[in-house]
């Protein structure tokens, strides 16, 4: 769906002109209000790598 909307925006449509494919009533520019936040926290299992330093720095390990 993102590529479809991006292509229509590229040829000159605005978000107000594009219908929402799910509701068929609101425009694509409509932003629903969400009352929750989803986060994903990584779990670093250093037990799998006994020689790895368990202290993380700004560089990727």
N, C-alpha and C. Protein backbone atom coordinates (compact mmCIF):
# COMPACT_ATOMS: atom_id res chain seq x y z
N UNK A 1 0.80 -1.21 0.00
CA UNK A 1 0.00 0.00 0.00
C UNK A 1 0.84 1.27 0.00
N UNK A 2 2.04 1.23 0.57
CA UNK A 2 2.86 2.44 0.60
C UNK A 2 3.33 2.80 -0.80
N UNK A 3 3.73 1.81 -1.59
CA UNK A 3 4.18 2.09 -2.95
C UNK A 3 3.04 2.63 -3.80
N UNK A 4 1.86 2.12 -3.60
CA UNK A 4 0.69 2.59 -4.36
C UNK A 4 0.42 4.06 -4.05
N UNK A 5 0.43 4.41 -2.79
CA UNK A 5 0.19 5.80 -2.41
C UNK A 5 1.34 6.69 -2.87
N UNK A 6 2.57 6.22 -2.74
CA UNK A 6 3.73 7.00 -3.17
C UNK A 6 3.69 7.27 -4.67
N UNK A 7 3.26 6.28 -5.45
CA UNK A 7 3.16 6.47 -6.90
C UNK A 7 2.10 7.51 -7.24
N UNK A 8 0.98 7.47 -6.56
CA UNK A 8 -0.08 8.45 -6.83
C UNK A 8 0.35 9.85 -6.40
N UNK A 9 1.07 9.94 -5.30
CA UNK A 9 1.58 11.25 -4.88
C UNK A 9 2.60 11.78 -5.88
N UNK A 10 3.40 10.88 -6.47
CA UNK A 10 4.42 11.29 -7.43
C UNK A 10 3.81 11.86 -8.71
N UNK A 11 2.62 11.40 -9.08
CA UNK A 11 2.00 11.91 -10.31
C UNK A 11 1.10 13.11 -10.05
N UNK A 12 1.03 13.56 -8.79
CA UNK A 12 0.34 14.81 -8.53
C UNK A 12 -0.87 14.78 -7.63
N UNK A 13 -1.31 13.61 -7.21
CA UNK A 13 -2.44 13.55 -6.28
C UNK A 13 -2.00 14.05 -4.91
N UNK A 14 -2.95 14.53 -4.12
CA UNK A 14 -2.66 14.89 -2.73
C UNK A 14 -3.29 13.83 -1.83
N UNK A 15 -2.87 13.79 -0.58
CA UNK A 15 -3.42 12.79 0.34
C UNK A 15 -4.92 12.98 0.55
N UNK A 16 -5.39 14.22 0.45
CA UNK A 16 -6.82 14.47 0.61
C UNK A 16 -7.63 13.89 -0.54
N UNK A 17 -7.02 13.72 -1.70
CA UNK A 17 -7.72 13.18 -2.87
C UNK A 17 -7.74 11.66 -2.89
N UNK A 18 -6.87 11.02 -2.14
CA UNK A 18 -6.79 9.55 -2.15
C UNK A 18 -7.68 8.95 -1.08
N UNK A 19 -8.54 8.00 -1.45
CA UNK A 19 -9.38 7.37 -0.43
C UNK A 19 -8.58 6.37 0.40
N UNK A 20 -8.98 6.20 1.63
CA UNK A 20 -8.38 5.21 2.51
C UNK A 20 -8.88 3.84 2.06
N UNK A 21 -7.98 2.94 1.71
CA UNK A 21 -8.38 1.62 1.20
C UNK A 21 -9.10 0.77 2.23
N UNK A 22 -8.91 1.05 3.50
CA UNK A 22 -9.53 0.23 4.54
C UNK A 22 -10.93 0.71 4.86
N UNK A 23 -11.07 2.02 5.13
CA UNK A 23 -12.39 2.53 5.53
C UNK A 23 -13.26 2.90 4.34
N UNK A 24 -12.67 3.24 3.22
CA UNK A 24 -13.38 3.69 2.02
C UNK A 24 -14.18 4.98 2.25
N UNK A 25 -14.05 5.60 3.42
CA UNK A 25 -14.79 6.82 3.72
C UNK A 25 -13.87 8.00 4.00
N UNK A 26 -12.82 7.76 4.76
CA UNK A 26 -11.92 8.84 5.13
C UNK A 26 -10.80 8.96 4.10
N UNK A 27 -10.22 10.15 3.95
CA UNK A 27 -9.10 10.28 3.01
C UNK A 27 -7.83 9.65 3.58
N UNK A 28 -6.84 9.47 2.73
CA UNK A 28 -5.58 8.86 3.16
C UNK A 28 -4.83 9.76 4.13
N UNK A 29 -5.17 11.03 4.17
CA UNK A 29 -4.50 11.95 5.09
C UNK A 29 -5.04 11.85 6.51
N UNK A 30 -6.13 11.11 6.71
CA UNK A 30 -6.73 10.97 8.03
C UNK A 30 -5.81 10.16 8.93
N UNK A 31 -5.50 10.71 10.09
CA UNK A 31 -4.64 10.02 11.05
C UNK A 31 -5.48 9.58 12.24
N UNK A 32 -5.65 8.29 12.43
CA UNK A 32 -6.45 7.84 13.57
C UNK A 32 -5.74 8.12 14.89
N UNK A 33 -6.50 8.35 15.90
CA UNK A 33 -5.89 8.56 17.22
C UNK A 33 -5.63 7.20 17.86
N UNK A 34 -4.42 7.03 18.34
CA UNK A 34 -4.07 5.76 18.98
C UNK A 34 -3.82 6.04 20.45
N UNK A 35 -4.30 5.18 21.29
CA UNK A 35 -4.12 5.38 22.72
C UNK A 35 -3.13 4.39 23.32
N UNK A 36 -2.20 3.92 22.50
CA UNK A 36 -1.19 3.00 23.01
C UNK A 36 0.10 3.19 22.23
N UNK A 37 1.17 2.73 22.81
CA UNK A 37 2.49 2.79 22.18
C UNK A 37 3.08 1.40 22.22
N UNK A 38 3.67 0.98 21.11
CA UNK A 38 4.31 -0.33 21.04
C UNK A 38 5.81 -0.12 20.92
N UNK A 39 6.56 -0.80 21.76
CA UNK A 39 8.02 -0.73 21.68
C UNK A 39 8.59 -2.13 21.63
N UNK A 40 9.74 -2.23 21.06
CA UNK A 40 10.43 -3.52 20.99
C UNK A 40 11.83 -3.31 21.58
N UNK A 41 12.13 -4.06 22.59
CA UNK A 41 13.42 -3.94 23.26
C UNK A 41 14.26 -5.15 22.89
N UNK A 42 15.46 -4.92 22.38
CA UNK A 42 16.30 -6.07 22.03
C UNK A 42 16.80 -6.80 23.27
N UNK A 43 16.97 -8.07 23.12
CA UNK A 43 17.53 -8.88 24.21
C UNK A 43 18.86 -9.44 23.71
N UNK A 44 19.92 -9.01 24.34
CA UNK A 44 21.25 -9.44 23.94
C UNK A 44 21.64 -10.65 24.77
N UNK A 45 21.74 -11.78 24.12
CA UNK A 45 22.09 -13.01 24.83
C UNK A 45 23.59 -13.25 24.74
N UNK A 46 24.30 -12.72 25.71
CA UNK A 46 25.75 -12.87 25.72
C UNK A 46 26.18 -14.27 26.13
N UNK A 47 25.25 -15.06 26.63
CA UNK A 47 25.58 -16.43 27.00
C UNK A 47 25.99 -17.24 25.77
N UNK A 48 25.46 -16.88 24.62
CA UNK A 48 25.80 -17.61 23.39
C UNK A 48 27.22 -17.31 22.92
N UNK A 49 27.77 -16.17 23.35
CA UNK A 49 29.10 -15.75 22.92
C UNK A 49 29.97 -15.50 24.15
N UNK A 50 30.58 -16.54 24.67
CA UNK A 50 31.33 -16.40 25.92
C UNK A 50 32.53 -15.45 25.83
N UNK A 51 33.09 -15.25 24.66
CA UNK A 51 34.26 -14.37 24.55
C UNK A 51 33.87 -12.92 24.28
N UNK A 52 32.60 -12.64 24.09
CA UNK A 52 32.16 -11.28 23.80
C UNK A 52 32.14 -10.43 25.06
N UNK A 53 32.43 -9.15 24.89
CA UNK A 53 32.39 -8.22 26.01
C UNK A 53 30.92 -7.86 26.27
N UNK A 54 30.40 -8.09 27.47
CA UNK A 54 28.98 -7.83 27.74
C UNK A 54 28.63 -6.35 27.87
N UNK A 55 29.61 -5.47 27.84
CA UNK A 55 29.34 -4.04 27.94
C UNK A 55 29.15 -3.50 26.53
N UNK A 56 27.97 -2.95 26.27
CA UNK A 56 27.69 -2.39 24.95
C UNK A 56 28.13 -0.93 24.90
N UNK A 57 28.71 -0.56 23.78
CA UNK A 57 29.11 0.83 23.56
C UNK A 57 28.29 1.38 22.41
N UNK A 58 28.68 2.55 21.92
CA UNK A 58 27.93 3.16 20.83
C UNK A 58 28.17 2.46 19.49
N UNK A 59 29.24 1.70 19.38
CA UNK A 59 29.48 0.96 18.14
C UNK A 59 28.73 -0.36 18.17
N UNK A 60 28.35 -0.83 17.00
CA UNK A 60 27.63 -2.10 16.93
C UNK A 60 28.57 -3.25 17.22
N UNK A 61 28.06 -4.23 17.90
CA UNK A 61 28.89 -5.40 18.21
C UNK A 61 28.36 -6.60 17.46
